[in-house]
Structure formats: structure tokens, C-alpha cells
Amino acid sequence: MEELLNIFIANEAHKRGLSVALKNDLDQIIELEPYYDFSVNEECHAYKECVKIQPFIDANKSVFNAEYKQEYVDNSNGQRDAMCAEAIASQFQTLVLPLDLDDSFRYSCE
């Protein structure tokens, strides 16, 4: 039932000339990717789930990802550098942001 609602939402957005993003719905990516224009995800690197979003990249669609893990903020032991290298290799657009999204900093993997 949830999948049908998501397809309805994507189709209605497209009828209105809008692009639509699938956000954090890793369990339905394979079924929903054809209906969505890009993916927005949070913390796929922190939770080791980025491979689940690969269908968007395989379909030449963008993946935008935000990470909040303190080790990425501090770049402890080069963890942000390593995560960014993985993000770039996966063709994900990734930002490291403050958890409260107060715009106090922003690190881009680009």
C-alpha cells in the first residue's frame, strides 16, 4: 500500500512539471527508482547503507547525502576524508552538516 502511495505522489508531481525525490526509503528503492528523479539520503555512510542507493546512480540519477557523525565533523583519523573518497567514487553528492542543521558549518565532499 505504501508503495502505491509513493508512486501516486511521484506521478502527481510529474503531472505538475515538478521533480520529485525519494528520501531515506531504502527498503523500496528498487521498486520506486523508476518513478523518482533523484534520491536524498541521510547517513548512508554512517550506517553502511550506501550500496542500497546504487540503483539511482545506475539509472543516471543524482544522489544527495548528508552525514552528521562527529568523526566526520572532526575528521578524526581522516574519517571524513575516507568517507568523502568513497562518496566521490560512488558518485554521491555528500555534505557533512551539523545535526541541528543550524548552518554553523558545511563540509562538502566535492
PDB file of N, CA and C in Angstrom:
ATOM      1  N   MET A   1       0.818  -1.193   0.000  1.00  0.00           N
ATOM      2  CA  MET A   1       0.000   0.000   0.000  1.00  0.00           C
ATOM      3  C   MET A   1       0.867   1.264   0.000  1.00  0.00           C
ATOM      4  N   GLU A   2       1.916   1.271   0.837  1.00  0.00           N
ATOM      5  CA  GLU A   2       2.814   2.433   0.901  1.00  0.00           C
ATOM      6  C   GLU A   2       3.479   2.686  -0.450  1.00  0.00           C
ATOM      7  N   GLU A   3       3.854   1.600  -1.123  1.00  0.00           N
ATOM      8  CA  GLU A   3       4.488   1.746  -2.437  1.00  0.00           C
ATOM      9  C   GLU A   3       3.535   2.444  -3.416  1.00  0.00           C
ATOM     10  N   LEU A   4       2.250   2.090  -3.398  1.00  0.00           N
ATOM     11  CA  LEU A   4       1.275   2.720  -4.293  1.00  0.00           C
ATOM     12  C   LEU A   4       1.119   4.205  -3.991  1.00  0.00           C
ATOM     13  N   LEU A   5       1.146   4.570  -2.730  1.00  0.00           N
ATOM     14  CA  LEU A   5       1.063   5.977  -2.350  1.00  0.00           C
ATOM     15  C   LEU A   5       2.278   6.735  -2.876  1.00  0.00           C
ATOM     16  N   ASN A   6       3.449   6.155  -2.731  1.00  0.00           N
ATOM     17  CA  ASN A   6       4.669   6.803  -3.224  1.00  0.00           C
ATOM     18  C   ASN A   6       4.656   6.969  -4.743  1.00  0.00           C
ATOM     19  N   ILE A   7       4.150   5.984  -5.451  1.00  0.00           N
ATOM     20  CA  ILE A   7       4.038   6.087  -6.908  1.00  0.00           C
ATOM     21  C   ILE A   7       3.032   7.174  -7.276  1.00  0.00           C
ATOM     22  N   PHE A   8       1.918   7.227  -6.565  1.00  0.00           N
ATOM     23  CA  PHE A   8       0.912   8.267  -6.794  1.00  0.00           C
ATOM     24  C   PHE A   8       1.523   9.655  -6.609  1.00  0.00           C
ATOM     25  N   ILE A   9       2.261   9.839  -5.529  1.00  0.00           N
ATOM     26  CA  ILE A   9       2.889  11.141  -5.248  1.00  0.00           C
ATOM     27  C   ILE A   9       3.851  11.525  -6.373  1.00  0.00           C
ATOM     28  N   ALA A  10       4.685  10.594  -6.799  1.00  0.00           N
ATOM     29  CA  ALA A  10       5.636  10.886  -7.874  1.00  0.00           C
ATOM     30  C   ALA A  10       4.905  11.229  -9.172  1.00  0.00           C
ATOM     31  N   ASN A  11       3.883  10.463  -9.510  1.00  0.00           N
ATOM     32  CA  ASN A  11       3.137  10.725 -10.740  1.00  0.00           C
ATOM     33  C   ASN A  11       2.429  12.078 -10.701  1.00  0.00           C
ATOM     34  N   GLU A  12       1.857  12.428  -9.556  1.00  0.00           N
ATOM     35  CA  GLU A  12       1.173  13.717  -9.424  1.00  0.00           C
ATOM     36  C   GLU A  12       2.166  14.879  -9.526  1.00  0.00           C
ATOM     37  N   ALA A  13       3.346  14.712  -8.959  1.00  0.00           N
ATOM     38  CA  ALA A  13       4.375  15.754  -9.077  1.00  0.00           C
ATOM     39  C   ALA A  13       4.768  15.935 -10.540  1.00  0.00           C
ATOM     40  N   HIS A  14       4.976  14.832 -11.234  1.00  0.00           N
ATOM     41  CA  HIS A  14       5.369  14.918 -12.641  1.00  0.00           C
ATOM     42  C   HIS A  14       4.280  15.541 -13.506  1.00  0.00           C
ATOM     43  N   LYS A  15       3.015  15.257 -13.203  1.00  0.00           N
ATOM     44  CA  LYS A  15       1.906  15.879 -13.938  1.00  0.00           C
ATOM     45  C   LYS A  15       1.950  17.400 -13.838  1.00  0.00           C
ATOM     46  N   ARG A  16       2.523  17.894 -12.744  1.00  0.00           N
ATOM     47  CA  ARG A  16       2.596  19.328 -12.493  1.00  0.00           C
ATOM     48  C   ARG A  16       3.946  19.922 -12.916  1.00  0.00           C
ATOM     49  N   GLY A  17       4.741  19.113 -13.598  1.00  0.00           N
ATOM     50  CA  GLY A  17       6.035  19.581 -14.080  1.00  0.00           C
ATOM     51  C   GLY A  17       7.094  19.678 -13.006  1.00  0.00           C
ATOM     52  N   LEU A  18       6.904  18.967 -11.912  1.00  0.00           N
ATOM     53  CA  LEU A  18       7.848  19.004 -10.791  1.00  0.00           C
ATOM     54  C   LEU A  18       8.743  17.769 -10.786  1.00  0.00           C
ATOM     55  N   SER A  19       9.945  17.951 -10.290  1.00  0.00           N
ATOM     56  CA  SER A  19      10.815  16.813  -9.994  1.00  0.00           C
ATOM     57  C   SER A  19      10.482  16.341  -8.588  1.00  0.00           C
ATOM     58  N   VAL A  20      10.752  15.084  -8.324  1.00  0.00           N
ATOM     59  CA  VAL A  20      10.425  14.535  -7.018  1.00  0.00           C
ATOM     60  C   VAL A  20      11.567  13.635  -6.541  1.00  0.00           C
ATOM     61  N   ALA A  21      11.875  13.767  -5.243  1.00  0.00           N
ATOM     62  CA  ALA A  21      12.970  12.994  -4.648  1.00  0.00           C
ATOM     63  C   ALA A  21      12.436  11.913  -3.721  1.00  0.00           C
ATOM     64  N   LEU A  22      13.113  10.795  -3.730  1.00  0.00           N
ATOM     65  CA  LEU A  22      12.850   9.744  -2.759  1.00  0.00           C
ATOM     66  C   LEU A  22      13.801   9.969  -1.594  1.00  0.00           C
ATOM     67  N   LYS A  23      13.268  10.115  -0.386  1.00  0.00           N
ATOM     68  CA  LYS A  23      14.099  10.436   0.773  1.00  0.00           C
ATOM     69  C   LYS A  23      14.108   9.289   1.776  1.00  0.00           C
ATOM     70  N   ASN A  24      15.314   8.772   2.048  1.00  0.00           N
ATOM     71  CA  ASN A  24      15.555   7.797   3.117  1.00  0.00           C
ATOM     72  C   ASN A  24      14.681   6.548   3.042  1.00  0.00           C
ATOM     73  N   ASP A  25      14.223   6.157   1.902  1.00  0.00           N
ATOM     74  CA  ASP A  25      13.348   4.986   1.790  1.00  0.00           C
ATOM     75  C   ASP A  25      14.127   3.832   1.158  1.00  0.00           C
ATOM     76  N   LEU A  26      15.088   3.326   1.893  1.00  0.00           N
ATOM     77  CA  LEU A  26      15.993   2.320   1.342  1.00  0.00           C
ATOM     78  C   LEU A  26      15.309   1.002   1.014  1.00  0.00           C
ATOM     79  N   ASP A  27      14.263   0.650   1.739  1.00  0.00           N
ATOM     80  CA  ASP A  27      13.609  -0.636   1.529  1.00  0.00           C
ATOM     81  C   ASP A  27      12.835  -0.712   0.218  1.00  0.00           C
ATOM     82  N   GLN A  28      12.471   0.432  -0.352  1.00  0.00           N
ATOM     83  CA  GLN A  28      11.661   0.423  -1.571  1.00  0.00           C
ATOM     84  C   GLN A  28      12.384   0.989  -2.795  1.00  0.00           C
ATOM     85  N   ILE A  29      13.684   1.186  -2.688  1.00  0.00           N
ATOM     86  CA  ILE A  29      14.412   1.846  -3.774  1.00  0.00           C
ATOM     87  C   ILE A  29      14.259   1.118  -5.102  1.00  0.00           C
ATOM     88  N   ILE A  30      14.386  -0.164  -5.120  1.00  0.00           N
ATOM     89  CA  ILE A  30      14.328  -0.897  -6.388  1.00  0.00           C
ATOM     90  C   ILE A  30      12.972  -0.701  -7.059  1.00  0.00           C
ATOM     91  N   GLU A  31      11.893  -0.747  -6.288  1.00  0.00           N
ATOM     92  CA  GLU A  31      10.555  -0.583  -6.858  1.00  0.00           C
ATOM     93  C   GLU A  31      10.260   0.865  -7.244  1.00  0.00           C
ATOM     94  N   LEU A  32      10.782   1.814  -6.478  1.00  0.00           N
ATOM     95  CA  LEU A  32      10.397   3.215  -6.666  1.00  0.00           C
ATOM     96  C   LEU A  32      11.345   4.032  -7.539  1.00  0.00           C
ATOM     97  N   GLU A  33      12.560   3.578  -7.730  1.00  0.00           N
ATOM     98  CA  GLU A  33      13.527   4.367  -8.520  1.00  0.00           C
ATOM     99  C   GLU A  33      12.975   4.810  -9.866  1.00  0.00           C
ATOM    100  N   PRO A  34      12.253   3.951 -10.603  1.00  0.00           N
ATOM    101  CA  PRO A  34      11.758   4.395 -11.915  1.00  0.00           C
ATOM    102  C   PRO A  34      10.818   5.615 -11.848  1.00  0.00           C
ATOM    103  N   TYR A  35      10.196   5.850 -10.712  1.00  0.00           N
ATOM    104  CA  TYR A  35       9.212   6.925 -10.572  1.00  0.00           C
ATOM    105  C   TYR A  35       9.802   8.216 -10.013  1.00  0.00           C
ATOM    106  N   TYR A  36      10.994   8.141  -9.436  1.00  0.00           N
ATOM    107  CA  TYR A  36      11.591   9.293  -8.753  1.00  0.00           C
ATOM    108  C   TYR A  36      12.782   9.815  -9.544  1.00  0.00           C
ATOM    109  N   ASP A  37      13.002  11.122  -9.452  1.00  0.00           N
ATOM    110  CA  ASP A  37      14.029  11.779 -10.261  1.00  0.00           C
ATOM    111  C   ASP A  37      15.405  11.791  -9.613  1.00  0.00           C
ATOM    112  N   PHE A  38      15.461  11.754  -8.292  1.00  0.00           N
ATOM    113  CA  PHE A  38      16.728  11.726  -7.564  1.00  0.00           C
ATOM    114  C   PHE A  38      16.466  11.230  -6.153  1.00  0.00           C
ATOM    115  N   SER A  39      17.535  10.976  -5.429  1.00  0.00           N
ATOM    116  CA  SER A  39      17.432  10.470  -4.063  1.00  0.00           C
ATOM    117  C   SER A  39      18.084  11.442  -3.092  1.00  0.00           C
ATOM    118  N   VAL A  40      17.452  11.616  -1.946  1.00  0.00           N
ATOM    119  CA  VAL A  40      18.017  12.375  -0.828  1.00  0.00           C
ATOM    120  C   VAL A  40      18.128  11.391   0.329  1.00  0.00           C
ATOM    121  N   ASN A  41      19.319  11.315   0.901  1.00  0.00           N
ATOM    122  CA  ASN A  41      19.538  10.349   1.978  1.00  0.00           C
ATOM    123  C   ASN A  41      20.311  10.996   3.108  1.00  0.00           C
ATOM    124  N   GLU A  42      20.121  10.452   4.285  1.00  0.00           N
ATOM    125  CA  GLU A  42      20.879  10.891   5.455  1.00  0.00           C
ATOM    126  C   GLU A  42      21.636   9.701   6.035  1.00  0.00           C
ATOM    127  N   GLU A  43      22.916   9.885   6.177  1.00  0.00           N
ATOM    128  CA  GLU A  43      23.809   8.992   6.909  1.00  0.00           C
ATOM    129  C   GLU A  43      23.968   7.588   6.331  1.00  0.00           C
ATOM    130  N   CYS A  44      23.934   7.464   5.009  1.00  0.00           N
ATOM    131  CA  CYS A  44      24.153   6.127   4.460  1.00  0.00           C
ATOM    132  C   CYS A  44      25.570   5.636   4.738  1.00  0.00           C
ATOM    133  N   HIS A  45      26.538   6.561   4.823  1.00  0.00           N
ATOM    134  CA  HIS A  45      27.909   6.147   5.136  1.00  0.00           C
ATOM    135  C   HIS A  45      28.017   5.715   6.597  1.00  0.00           C
ATOM    136  N   ALA A  46      27.429   6.488   7.485  1.00  0.00           N
ATOM    137  CA  ALA A  46      27.488   6.165   8.914  1.00  0.00           C
ATOM    138  C   ALA A  46      26.869   4.801   9.204  1.00  0.00           C
ATOM    139  N   TYR A  47      25.799   4.465   8.472  1.00  0.00           N
ATOM    140  CA  TYR A  47      25.104   3.190   8.701  1.00  0.00           C
ATOM    141  C   TYR A  47      25.482   2.111   7.687  1.00  0.00           C
ATOM    142  N   LYS A  48      26.465   2.413   6.830  1.00  0.00           N
ATOM    143  CA  LYS A  48      26.948   1.443   5.839  1.00  0.00           C
ATOM    144  C   LYS A  48      25.812   0.927   4.944  1.00  0.00           C
ATOM    145  N   GLU A  49      24.985   1.867   4.448  1.00  0.00           N
ATOM    146  CA  GLU A  49      23.831   1.518   3.624  1.00  0.00           C
ATOM    147  C   GLU A  49      23.892   2.103   2.212  1.00  0.00           C
ATOM    148  N   CYS A  50      24.978   2.741   1.857  1.00  0.00           N
ATOM    149  CA  CYS A  50      25.035   3.452   0.577  1.00  0.00           C
ATOM    150  C   CYS A  50      24.828   2.545  -0.623  1.00  0.00           C
ATOM    151  N   VAL A  51      25.236   1.302  -0.528  1.00  0.00           N
ATOM    152  CA  VAL A  51      25.071   0.386  -1.648  1.00  0.00           C
ATOM    153  C   VAL A  51      23.593   0.242  -2.025  1.00  0.00           C
ATOM    154  N   LYS A  52      22.705   0.425  -1.085  1.00  0.00           N
ATOM    155  CA  LYS A  52      21.263   0.298  -1.358  1.00  0.00           C
ATOM    156  C   LYS A  52      20.751   1.406  -2.274  1.00  0.00           C
ATOM    157  N   ILE A  53      21.474   2.513  -2.358  1.00  0.00           N
ATOM    158  CA  ILE A  53      21.033   3.650  -3.167  1.00  0.00           C
ATOM    159  C   ILE A  53      21.601   3.569  -4.583  1.00  0.00           C
ATOM    160  N   GLN A  54      22.463   2.614  -4.829  1.00  0.00           N
ATOM    161  CA  GLN A  54      23.129   2.478  -6.123  1.00  0.00           C
ATOM    162  C   GLN A  54      22.174   2.428  -7.319  1.00  0.00           C
ATOM    163  N   PRO A  55      20.959   1.897  -7.191  1.00  0.00           N
ATOM    164  CA  PRO A  55      20.065   1.903  -8.361  1.00  0.00           C
ATOM    165  C   PRO A  55      19.828   3.301  -8.949  1.00  0.00           C
ATOM    166  N   PHE A  56      19.871   4.337  -8.141  1.00  0.00           N
ATOM    167  CA  PHE A  56      19.723   5.692  -8.670  1.00  0.00           C
ATOM    168  C   PHE A  56      20.933   6.072  -9.526  1.00  0.00           C
ATOM    169  N   ILE A  57      22.120   5.757  -9.056  1.00  0.00           N
ATOM    170  CA  ILE A  57      23.336   6.047  -9.817  1.00  0.00           C
ATOM    171  C   ILE A  57      23.335   5.226 -11.112  1.00  0.00           C
ATOM    172  N   ASP A  58      22.950   3.962 -11.021  1.00  0.00           N
ATOM    173  CA  ASP A  58      22.900   3.099 -12.204  1.00  0.00           C
ATOM    174  C   ASP A  58      21.928   3.640 -13.254  1.00  0.00           C
ATOM    175  N   ALA A  59      20.903   4.367 -12.798  1.00  0.00           N
ATOM    176  CA  ALA A  59      19.904   4.955 -13.711  1.00  0.00           C
ATOM    177  C   ALA A  59      20.272   6.390 -14.092  1.00  0.00           C
ATOM    178  N   ASN A  60      21.515   6.793 -13.807  1.00  0.00           N
ATOM    179  CA  ASN A  60      21.996   8.155 -14.109  1.00  0.00           C
ATOM    180  C   ASN A  60      21.188   9.235 -13.400  1.00  0.00           C
ATOM    181  N   LYS A  61      20.807   8.953 -12.166  1.00  0.00           N
ATOM    182  CA  LYS A  61      20.075   9.917 -11.352  1.00  0.00           C
ATOM    183  C   LYS A  61      20.949  10.334 -10.174  1.00  0.00           C
ATOM    184  N   SER A  62      20.765  11.548  -9.716  1.00  0.00           N
ATOM    185  CA  SER A  62      21.592  12.088  -8.631  1.00  0.00           C
ATOM    186  C   SER A  62      21.207  11.514  -7.275  1.00  0.00           C
ATOM    187  N   VAL A  63      22.223  11.410  -6.424  1.00  0.00           N
ATOM    188  CA  VAL A  63      22.042  11.047  -5.023  1.00  0.00           C
ATOM    189  C   VAL A  63      22.669  12.153  -4.187  1.00  0.00           C
ATOM    190  N   PHE A  64      21.869  12.760  -3.320  1.00  0.00           N
ATOM    191  CA  PHE A  64      22.324  13.793  -2.401  1.00  0.00           C
ATOM    192  C   PHE A  64      22.282  13.203  -0.994  1.00  0.00           C
ATOM    193  N   ASN A  65      23.401  13.289  -0.290  1.00  0.00           N
ATOM    194  CA  ASN A  65      23.516  12.646   1.013  1.00  0.00           C
ATOM    195  C   ASN A  65      24.048  13.635   2.043  1.00  0.00           C
ATOM    196  N   ALA A  66      23.522  13.556   3.251  1.00  0.00           N
ATOM    197  CA  ALA A  66      24.017  14.346   4.381  1.00  0.00           C
ATOM    198  C   ALA A  66      24.522  13.399   5.458  1.00  0.00           C
ATOM    199  N   GLU A  67      25.650  13.749   6.027  1.00  0.00           N
ATOM    200  CA  GLU A  67      26.239  12.981   7.124  1.00  0.00           C
ATOM    201  C   GLU A  67      26.396  13.900   8.327  1.00  0.00           C
ATOM    202  N   TYR A  68      26.191  13.360   9.530  1.00  0.00           N
ATOM    203  CA  TYR A  68      26.240  14.151  10.759  1.00  0.00           C
ATOM    204  C   TYR A  68      27.210  13.592  11.803  1.00  0.00           C
ATOM    205  N   LYS A  69      27.789  12.458  11.553  1.00  0.00           N
ATOM    206  CA  LYS A  69      28.646  11.758  12.515  1.00  0.00           C
ATOM    207  C   LYS A  69      29.790  12.666  12.975  1.00  0.00           C
ATOM    208  N   GLN A  70      30.018  12.728  14.277  1.00  0.00           N
ATOM    209  CA  GLN A  70      31.026  13.619  14.838  1.00  0.00           C
ATOM    210  C   GLN A  70      32.417  13.336  14.283  1.00  0.00           C
ATOM    211  N   GLU A  71      32.722  12.081  14.020  1.00  0.00           N
ATOM    212  CA  GLU A  71      34.029  11.732  13.460  1.00  0.00           C
ATOM    213  C   GLU A  71      34.222  12.362  12.078  1.00  0.00           C
ATOM    214  N   TYR A  72      33.134  12.534  11.334  1.00  0.00           N
ATOM    215  CA  TYR A  72      33.217  13.196  10.032  1.00  0.00           C
ATOM    216  C   TYR A  72      33.362  14.705  10.212  1.00  0.00           C
ATOM    217  N   VAL A  73      32.696  15.248  11.215  1.00  0.00           N
ATOM    218  CA  VAL A  73      32.810  16.684  11.503  1.00  0.00           C
ATOM    219  C   VAL A  73      34.248  17.017  11.880  1.00  0.00           C
ATOM    220  N   ASP A  74      34.815  16.231  12.801  1.00  0.00           N
ATOM    221  CA  ASP A  74      36.170  16.483  13.304  1.00  0.00           C
ATOM    222  C   ASP A  74      37.256  15.978  12.357  1.00  0.00           C
ATOM    223  N   ASN A  75      36.888  15.152  11.411  1.00  0.00           N
ATOM    224  CA  ASN A  75      37.830  14.456  10.539  1.00  0.00           C
ATOM    225  C   ASN A  75      38.811  13.629  11.358  1.00  0.00           C
ATOM    226  N   SER A  76      38.300  13.024  12.432  1.00  0.00           N
ATOM    227  CA  SER A  76      39.118  12.177  13.309  1.00  0.00           C
ATOM    228  C   SER A  76      39.785  11.069  12.509  1.00  0.00           C
ATOM    229  N   ASN A  77      41.093  10.991  12.639  1.00  0.00           N
ATOM    230  CA  ASN A  77      41.875   9.959  11.947  1.00  0.00           C
ATOM    231  C   ASN A  77      41.577   9.918  10.447  1.00  0.00           C
ATOM    232  N   GLY A  78      41.221  11.066   9.883  1.00  0.00           N
ATOM    233  CA  GLY A  78      40.955  11.135   8.453  1.00  0.00           C
ATOM    234  C   GLY A  78      39.652  10.475   8.028  1.00  0.00           C
ATOM    235  N   GLN A  79      38.721  10.282   8.986  1.00  0.00           N
ATOM    236  CA  GLN A  79      37.484   9.578   8.652  1.00  0.00           C
ATOM    237  C   GLN A  79      36.623  10.331   7.639  1.00  0.00           C
ATOM    238  N   ARG A  80      36.578  11.661   7.735  1.00  0.00           N
ATOM    239  CA  ARG A  80      35.818  12.414   6.743  1.00  0.00           C
ATOM    240  C   ARG A  80      36.466  12.270   5.373  1.00  0.00           C
ATOM    241  N   ASP A  81      37.782  12.361   5.325  1.00  0.00           N
ATOM    242  CA  ASP A  81      38.490  12.214   4.053  1.00  0.00           C
ATOM    243  C   ASP A  81      38.199  10.856   3.413  1.00  0.00           C
ATOM    244  N   ALA A  82      38.219   9.804   4.215  1.00  0.00           N
ATOM    245  CA  ALA A  82      37.954   8.458   3.699  1.00  0.00           C
ATOM    246  C   ALA A  82      36.505   8.331   3.237  1.00  0.00           C
ATOM    247  N   MET A  83      35.574   8.868   4.034  1.00  0.00           N
ATOM    248  CA  MET A  83      34.165   8.812   3.662  1.00  0.00           C
ATOM    249  C   MET A  83      33.934   9.587   2.374  1.00  0.00           C
ATOM    250  N   CYS A  84      34.550  10.761   2.255  1.00  0.00           N
ATOM    251  CA  CYS A  84      34.387  11.572   1.043  1.00  0.00           C
ATOM    252  C   CYS A  84      34.960  10.865  -0.184  1.00  0.00           C
ATOM    253  N   ALA A  85      36.080  10.200  -0.028  1.00  0.00           N
ATOM    254  CA  ALA A  85      36.648   9.447  -1.149  1.00  0.00           C
ATOM    255  C   ALA A  85      35.669   8.374  -1.611  1.00  0.00           C
ATOM    256  N   GLU A  86      35.039   7.706  -0.670  1.00  0.00           N
ATOM    257  CA  GLU A  86      34.032   6.689  -1.000  1.00  0.00           C
ATOM    258  C   GLU A  86      32.811   7.335  -1.666  1.00  0.00           C
ATOM    259  N   ALA A  87      32.369   8.477  -1.149  1.00  0.00           N
ATOM    260  CA  ALA A  87      31.211   9.171  -1.724  1.00  0.00           C
ATOM    261  C   ALA A  87      31.491   9.592  -3.162  1.00  0.00           C
ATOM    262  N   ILE A  88      32.658  10.144  -3.390  1.00  0.00           N
ATOM    263  CA  ILE A  88      33.024  10.586  -4.742  1.00  0.00           C
ATOM    264  C   ILE A  88      33.101   9.389  -5.689  1.00  0.00           C
ATOM    265  N   ALA A  89      33.699   8.303  -5.238  1.00  0.00           N
ATOM    266  CA  ALA A  89      33.794   7.096  -6.062  1.00  0.00           C
ATOM    267  C   ALA A  89      32.413   6.540  -6.397  1.00  0.00           C
ATOM    268  N   SER A  90      31.460   6.722  -5.478  1.00  0.00           N
ATOM    269  CA  SER A  90      30.088   6.236  -5.687  1.00  0.00           C
ATOM    270  C   SER A  90      29.226   7.225  -6.460  1.00  0.00           C
ATOM    271  N   GLN A  91      29.768   8.404  -6.751  1.00  0.00           N
ATOM    272  CA  GLN A  91      29.074   9.479  -7.462  1.00  0.00           C
ATOM    273  C   GLN A  91      27.947  10.100  -6.630  1.00  0.00           C
ATOM    274  N   PHE A  92      28.098  10.083  -5.300  1.00  0.00           N
ATOM    275  CA  PHE A  92      27.133  10.720  -4.411  1.00  0.00           C
ATOM    276  C   PHE A  92      27.585  12.147  -4.132  1.00  0.00           C
ATOM    277  N   GLN A  93      26.647  13.067  -4.080  1.00  0.00           N
ATOM    278  CA  GLN A  93      26.902  14.437  -3.651  1.00  0.00           C
ATOM    279  C   GLN A  93      26.701  14.444  -2.133  1.00  0.00           C
ATOM    280  N   THR A  94      27.778  14.597  -1.375  1.00  0.00           N
ATOM    281  CA  THR A  94      27.702  14.423   0.075  1.00  0.00           C
ATOM    282  C   THR A  94      28.192  15.658   0.814  1.00  0.00           C
ATOM    283  N   LEU A  95      27.419  16.026   1.835  1.00  0.00           N
ATOM    284  CA  LEU A  95      27.772  17.111   2.747  1.00  0.00           C
ATOM    285  C   LEU A  95      27.847  16.563   4.159  1.00  0.00           C
ATOM    286  N   VAL A  96      28.772  17.109   4.956  1.00  0.00           N
ATOM    287  CA  VAL A  96      28.802  16.866   6.397  1.00  0.00           C
ATOM    288  C   VAL A  96      28.238  18.127   7.033  1.00  0.00           C
ATOM    289  N   LEU A  97      27.170  17.952   7.804  1.00  0.00           N
ATOM    290  CA  LEU A  97      26.414  19.081   8.359  1.00  0.00           C
ATOM    291  C   LEU A  97      26.241  18.939   9.865  1.00  0.00           C
ATOM    292  N   PRO A  98      25.937  20.056  10.558  1.00  0.00           N
ATOM    293  CA  PRO A  98      25.615  19.956  11.978  1.00  0.00           C
ATOM    294  C   PRO A  98      24.282  19.246  12.161  1.00  0.00           C
ATOM    295  N   LEU A  99      24.189  18.418  13.172  1.00  0.00           N
ATOM    296  CA  LEU A  99      22.973  17.644  13.414  1.00  0.00           C
ATOM    297  C   LEU A  99      21.743  18.531  13.573  1.00  0.00           C
ATOM    298  N   ASP A 100      21.896  19.702  14.185  1.00  0.00           N
ATOM    299  CA  ASP A 100      20.738  20.581  14.353  1.00  0.00           C
ATOM    300  C   ASP A 100      20.512  21.483  13.149  1.00  0.00           C
ATOM    301  N   LEU A 101      21.257  21.261  12.069  1.00  0.00           N
ATOM    302  CA  LEU A 101      21.070  21.978  10.802  1.00  0.00           C
ATOM    303  C   LEU A 101      20.977  23.492  10.987  1.00  0.00           C
ATOM    304  N   ASP A 102      21.873  24.032  11.829  1.00  0.00           N
ATOM    305  CA  ASP A 102      21.866  25.466  12.109  1.00  0.00           C
ATOM    306  C   ASP A 102      22.794  26.261  11.190  1.00  0.00           C
ATOM    307  N   ASP A 103      23.353  25.622  10.176  1.00  0.00           N
ATOM    308  CA  ASP A 103      24.238  26.237   9.191  1.00  0.00           C
ATOM    309  C   ASP A 103      25.522  26.788   9.805  1.00  0.00           C
ATOM    310  N   SER A 104      25.925  26.242  10.959  1.00  0.00           N
ATOM    311  CA  SER A 104      27.152  26.707  11.599  1.00  0.00           C
ATOM    312  C   SER A 104      28.409  26.242  10.849  1.00  0.00           C
ATOM    313  N   PHE A 105      28.266  25.175  10.059  1.00  0.00           N
ATOM    314  CA  PHE A 105      29.362  24.733   9.195  1.00  0.00           C
ATOM    315  C   PHE A 105      28.775  23.840   8.111  1.00  0.00           C
ATOM    316  N   ARG A 106      29.591  23.619   7.102  1.00  0.00           N
ATOM    317  CA  ARG A 106      29.205  22.726   5.999  1.00  0.00           C
ATOM    318  C   ARG A 106      30.483  22.269   5.321  1.00  0.00           C
ATOM    319  N   TYR A 107      30.698  20.960   5.326  1.00  0.00           N
ATOM    320  CA  TYR A 107      31.843  20.395   4.634  1.00  0.00           C
ATOM    321  C   TYR A 107      31.330  19.620   3.432  1.00  0.00           C
ATOM    322  N   SER A 108      31.813  19.971   2.264  1.00  0.00           N
ATOM    323  CA  SER A 108      31.410  19.289   1.048  1.00  0.00           C
ATOM    324  C   SER A 108      32.471  18.277   0.648  1.00  0.00           C
ATOM    325  N   CYS A 109      32.034  17.147   0.154  1.00  0.00           N
ATOM    326  CA  CYS A 109      32.978  16.153  -0.352  1.00  0.00           C
ATOM    327  C   CYS A 109      33.451  16.473  -1.755  1.00  0.00           C
ATOM    328  N   GLU A 110      32.980  17.531  -2.336  1.00  0.00           N
ATOM    329  CA  GLU A 110      33.410  17.919  -3.694  1.00  0.00           C
ATOM    330  C   GLU A 110      34.773  18.557  -3.648  1.00  0.00           C
TER     331      GLU A 110
END
